[in-house]
Amino acid sequence: MNKKWMIGTLALSLGLVSAGSGALAASPAAGSTAIKTVAASLPGKEGPATINNLTVKSVIPLVVHAKKLYTYSNAGGNTHGMETFMYNGTEYRYLSSDLGTKQQLMNYIKRAYTHNAAAFYAQTQFIEVNGRMAQINEDLGNQLQYDKATAVMVSKTATTAVFELSVPQQDGQGDNADVVVKLKKVNGYWRIDMSPDTLF
């Protein structure tokens, strides 16, 4: 980093000058552009829940992440020592303690889904009994290989997007499934705007 650039940066960080004052007008050294490039790639490293630039490549890790959240919650969470009970002639199971309340379940699902998608999922797929969340004691969901999917962008605005995924069947048996994924930008990051049970 050259001295002019370093002094300008120090002055800016100490509040001695504003960013537009021209103190940083000196062209940066060749090494500092590499630093900028690395910094720009950091958000993708933070995980699929922090994607702010949605592309046909970045949507796949987000969908895979969303599938993991769905699989865990749909199986009742941590299944060790699961409690079951009968309700209206059907066997139910309580969710594990990390998903035990509606708020915990919602917070978990909202790691990849919008608030409305999480709320619909919690309301339609679970019941609340004595302040604890429970679900019918069975496992649902498809076995598609989302990690091997390819995506095509159908539409995209600043805050909404629709992608169509071509997803291979487990063990490569049969034709790929076509899956439509609707997304919405929430607080700067992309979230799936569909209830997990309708997507998976």
Protein backbone atom coordinates (compact mmCIF):
# COMPACT_ATOMS: atom_id res chain seq x y z
CA MET A 1 0.00 0.00 0.00
CA ASN A 2 1.54 3.40 -0.90
CA LYS A 3 1.95 6.16 1.71
CA LYS A 4 -0.65 8.54 0.23
CA TRP A 5 -3.28 5.80 0.24
CA MET A 6 -2.38 4.76 3.81
CA ILE A 7 -2.52 8.33 5.13
CA GLY A 8 -5.81 8.96 3.33
CA THR A 9 -7.30 5.77 4.77
CA LEU A 10 -6.11 6.68 8.28
CA ALA A 11 -7.57 10.18 7.97
CA LEU A 12 -10.88 8.76 6.78
CA SER A 13 -11.06 6.19 9.60
CA LEU A 14 -10.30 8.89 12.21
CA GLY A 15 -13.05 11.08 10.79
CA LEU A 16 -10.61 13.84 9.76
CA VAL A 17 -11.94 13.90 6.20
CA SER A 18 -15.07 12.71 4.42
CA ALA A 19 -14.90 9.99 1.79
CA GLY A 20 -15.67 12.48 -0.97
CA SER A 21 -13.06 15.08 0.02
CA GLY A 22 -10.42 13.93 -2.44
CA ALA A 23 -7.95 12.74 0.21
CA LEU A 24 -8.32 9.26 -1.25
CA ALA A 25 -8.00 10.35 -4.84
CA ALA A 26 -4.51 8.85 -5.11
CA SER A 27 -4.71 5.65 -7.09
CA PRO A 28 -4.29 2.59 -4.89
CA ALA A 29 -1.31 0.31 -5.23
CA ALA A 30 -1.77 -2.83 -7.26
CA GLY A 31 -1.95 -4.97 -4.11
CA SER A 32 -4.95 -3.13 -2.67
CA THR A 33 -7.22 -4.03 -5.60
CA ALA A 34 -6.58 -7.68 -4.77
CA ILE A 35 -7.65 -6.92 -1.20
CA LYS A 36 -10.88 -5.40 -2.52
CA THR A 37 -11.57 -8.51 -4.61
CA VAL A 38 -11.11 -10.81 -1.62
CA ALA A 39 -13.35 -8.62 0.54
CA ALA A 40 -16.06 -8.66 -2.11
CA SER A 41 -16.13 -12.47 -2.05
CA LEU A 42 -16.53 -12.75 1.74
CA PRO A 43 -20.36 -12.68 1.92
CA GLY A 44 -20.56 -15.91 -0.06
CA LYS A 45 -18.17 -17.52 2.44
CA GLU A 46 -20.55 -16.75 5.32
CA GLY A 47 -22.90 -19.45 4.15
CA PRO A 48 -25.95 -19.85 1.95
CA ALA A 49 -28.20 -17.86 4.31
CA THR A 50 -26.22 -14.68 3.57
CA ILE A 51 -26.55 -14.62 -0.21
CA ASN A 52 -27.27 -11.10 -1.42
CA ASN A 53 -26.40 -11.61 -5.09
CA LEU A 54 -28.75 -14.26 -6.42
CA THR A 55 -27.61 -16.14 -9.53
CA VAL A 56 -28.19 -19.55 -11.11
CA LYS A 57 -25.08 -20.68 -9.19
CA SER A 58 -25.80 -19.17 -5.75
CA VAL A 59 -29.45 -20.28 -5.62
CA ILE A 60 -28.45 -23.98 -5.41
CA PRO A 61 -26.55 -23.75 -2.07
CA LEU A 62 -29.48 -21.75 -0.63
CA VAL A 63 -31.98 -24.44 -1.69
CA VAL A 64 -29.71 -27.20 -0.31
CA HIS A 65 -29.47 -25.28 3.00
CA ALA A 66 -33.27 -24.84 3.03
CA LYS A 67 -33.74 -28.56 2.43
CA LYS A 68 -31.55 -29.38 5.46
CA LEU A 69 -33.66 -27.09 7.65
CA TYR A 70 -36.83 -28.74 6.36
CA THR A 71 -35.48 -32.28 6.80
CA TYR A 72 -34.45 -31.61 10.40
CA SER A 73 -37.70 -29.91 11.43
CA ASN A 74 -39.86 -32.35 9.48
CA ALA A 75 -38.22 -35.26 11.32
CA GLY A 76 -38.99 -33.64 14.68
CA GLY A 77 -35.50 -32.28 15.23
CA ASN A 78 -33.13 -34.35 17.33
CA THR A 79 -34.92 -37.69 17.37
CA HIS A 80 -33.08 -39.12 20.39
CA GLY A 81 -35.59 -39.88 23.15
CA MET A 82 -38.60 -38.66 21.16
CA GLU A 83 -41.90 -38.38 23.06
CA THR A 84 -45.06 -39.54 21.29
CA PHE A 85 -48.75 -39.23 22.20
CA MET A 86 -52.15 -39.97 20.69
CA TYR A 87 -54.41 -37.12 19.58
CA ASN A 88 -57.75 -37.66 17.80
CA GLY A 89 -56.75 -41.24 17.01
CA THR A 90 -53.42 -40.24 15.40
CA GLU A 91 -49.93 -40.64 16.83
CA TYR A 92 -48.03 -37.37 17.25
CA ARG A 93 -44.50 -36.60 18.42
CA TYR A 94 -43.18 -33.56 20.25
CA LEU A 95 -40.37 -31.68 18.55
CA SER A 96 -36.97 -31.77 20.24
CA SER A 97 -36.18 -29.02 22.76
CA ASP A 98 -34.24 -26.87 20.24
CA LEU A 99 -37.46 -26.56 18.17
CA GLY A 100 -39.83 -27.04 21.09
CA THR A 101 -41.69 -23.71 21.04
CA LYS A 102 -43.34 -21.98 18.10
CA GLN A 103 -40.81 -19.14 18.33
CA GLN A 104 -37.86 -21.57 18.26
CA LEU A 105 -39.34 -23.38 15.25
CA MET A 106 -39.98 -20.09 13.44
CA ASN A 107 -36.48 -18.76 14.14
CA TYR A 108 -34.95 -21.98 12.84
CA ILE A 109 -36.99 -22.04 9.61
CA LYS A 110 -36.39 -18.33 8.96
CA ARG A 111 -32.69 -19.08 8.46
CA ALA A 112 -33.60 -19.84 4.84
CA TYR A 113 -37.29 -18.87 4.45
CA THR A 114 -39.34 -15.69 4.68
CA HIS A 115 -41.44 -15.00 7.77
CA ASN A 116 -44.68 -15.75 5.89
CA ALA A 117 -43.36 -19.06 4.55
CA ALA A 118 -42.17 -20.10 8.03
CA ALA A 119 -45.47 -19.04 9.63
CA PHE A 120 -47.52 -21.01 7.10
CA TYR A 121 -45.34 -24.09 7.64
CA ALA A 122 -45.59 -23.85 11.44
CA GLN A 123 -49.36 -23.35 11.29
CA THR A 124 -50.21 -26.11 8.79
CA GLN A 125 -47.71 -28.87 9.61
CA PHE A 126 -47.55 -28.66 13.43
CA ILE A 127 -49.82 -28.33 16.44
CA GLU A 128 -49.14 -26.65 19.76
CA VAL A 129 -49.91 -28.75 22.85
CA ASN A 130 -49.28 -27.27 26.30
CA GLY A 131 -46.89 -24.73 24.81
CA ARG A 132 -44.88 -27.40 22.95
CA MET A 133 -44.80 -27.96 19.22
CA ALA A 134 -45.75 -31.41 17.89
CA GLN A 135 -46.37 -33.08 14.56
CA ILE A 136 -47.84 -36.30 13.18
CA ASN A 137 -45.35 -39.10 13.80
CA GLU A 138 -44.35 -39.88 10.20
CA ASP A 139 -41.64 -38.77 7.82
CA LEU A 140 -42.46 -37.07 4.54
CA GLY A 141 -40.53 -35.34 1.78
CA ASN A 142 -38.89 -36.34 -1.47
CA GLN A 143 -35.43 -37.78 -2.04
CA LEU A 144 -34.41 -35.49 -4.90
CA GLN A 145 -30.73 -34.54 -5.12
CA TYR A 146 -30.87 -30.76 -4.83
CA ASP A 147 -27.09 -30.51 -4.48
CA LYS A 148 -26.81 -31.75 -8.08
CA ALA A 149 -29.57 -29.50 -9.48
CA THR A 150 -29.17 -26.94 -12.25
CA ALA A 151 -31.10 -23.68 -12.24
CA VAL A 152 -32.62 -21.32 -14.78
CA MET A 153 -33.72 -17.82 -13.80
CA VAL A 154 -37.37 -17.30 -14.78
CA SER A 155 -37.70 -13.74 -13.44
CA LYS A 156 -35.93 -11.39 -11.06
CA THR A 157 -36.51 -7.92 -9.63
CA ALA A 158 -34.65 -6.09 -6.85
CA THR A 159 -36.72 -7.92 -4.21
CA THR A 160 -38.27 -11.03 -5.79
CA ALA A 161 -37.07 -13.87 -7.99
CA VAL A 162 -38.31 -17.11 -9.51
CA PHE A 163 -36.00 -19.95 -10.55
CA GLU A 164 -36.76 -23.28 -12.15
CA LEU A 165 -34.57 -26.14 -10.99
CA SER A 166 -33.92 -29.40 -12.79
CA VAL A 167 -33.29 -31.85 -9.94
CA PRO A 168 -31.99 -35.42 -10.39
CA GLN A 169 -33.81 -38.30 -8.73
CA GLN A 170 -32.00 -40.27 -6.03
CA ASP A 171 -29.48 -42.74 -7.53
CA GLY A 172 -30.09 -41.13 -10.94
CA GLN A 173 -33.23 -43.21 -11.49
CA GLY A 174 -35.86 -41.62 -13.76
CA ASP A 175 -36.17 -38.17 -15.27
CA ASN A 176 -35.12 -35.02 -13.47
CA ALA A 177 -37.89 -33.26 -11.56
CA ASP A 178 -38.74 -29.65 -12.47
CA VAL A 179 -39.05 -27.59 -9.29
CA VAL A 180 -40.09 -23.92 -9.19
CA VAL A 181 -38.53 -21.87 -6.37
CA LYS A 182 -39.90 -18.42 -5.40
CA LEU A 183 -37.62 -16.11 -3.44
CA LYS A 184 -37.80 -12.75 -1.74
CA LYS A 185 -35.10 -10.40 -0.43
CA VAL A 186 -35.39 -9.85 3.33
CA ASN A 187 -33.08 -7.40 5.12
CA GLY A 188 -30.61 -7.57 2.23
CA TYR A 189 -30.50 -11.37 1.97
CA TRP A 190 -32.45 -13.81 -0.21
CA ARG A 191 -34.97 -16.13 1.42
CA ILE A 192 -37.26 -18.78 -0.05
CA ASP A 193 -40.83 -17.45 -0.15
CA MET A 194 -42.60 -20.83 -0.15
CA SER A 195 -43.56 -23.13 2.69
CA PRO A 196 -40.91 -25.90 2.99
CA ASP A 197 -43.51 -28.67 2.68
CA THR A 198 -44.68 -27.32 -0.70
CA LEU A 199 -41.11 -27.12 -2.01
CA PHE A 200 -39.75 -30.41 -0.70
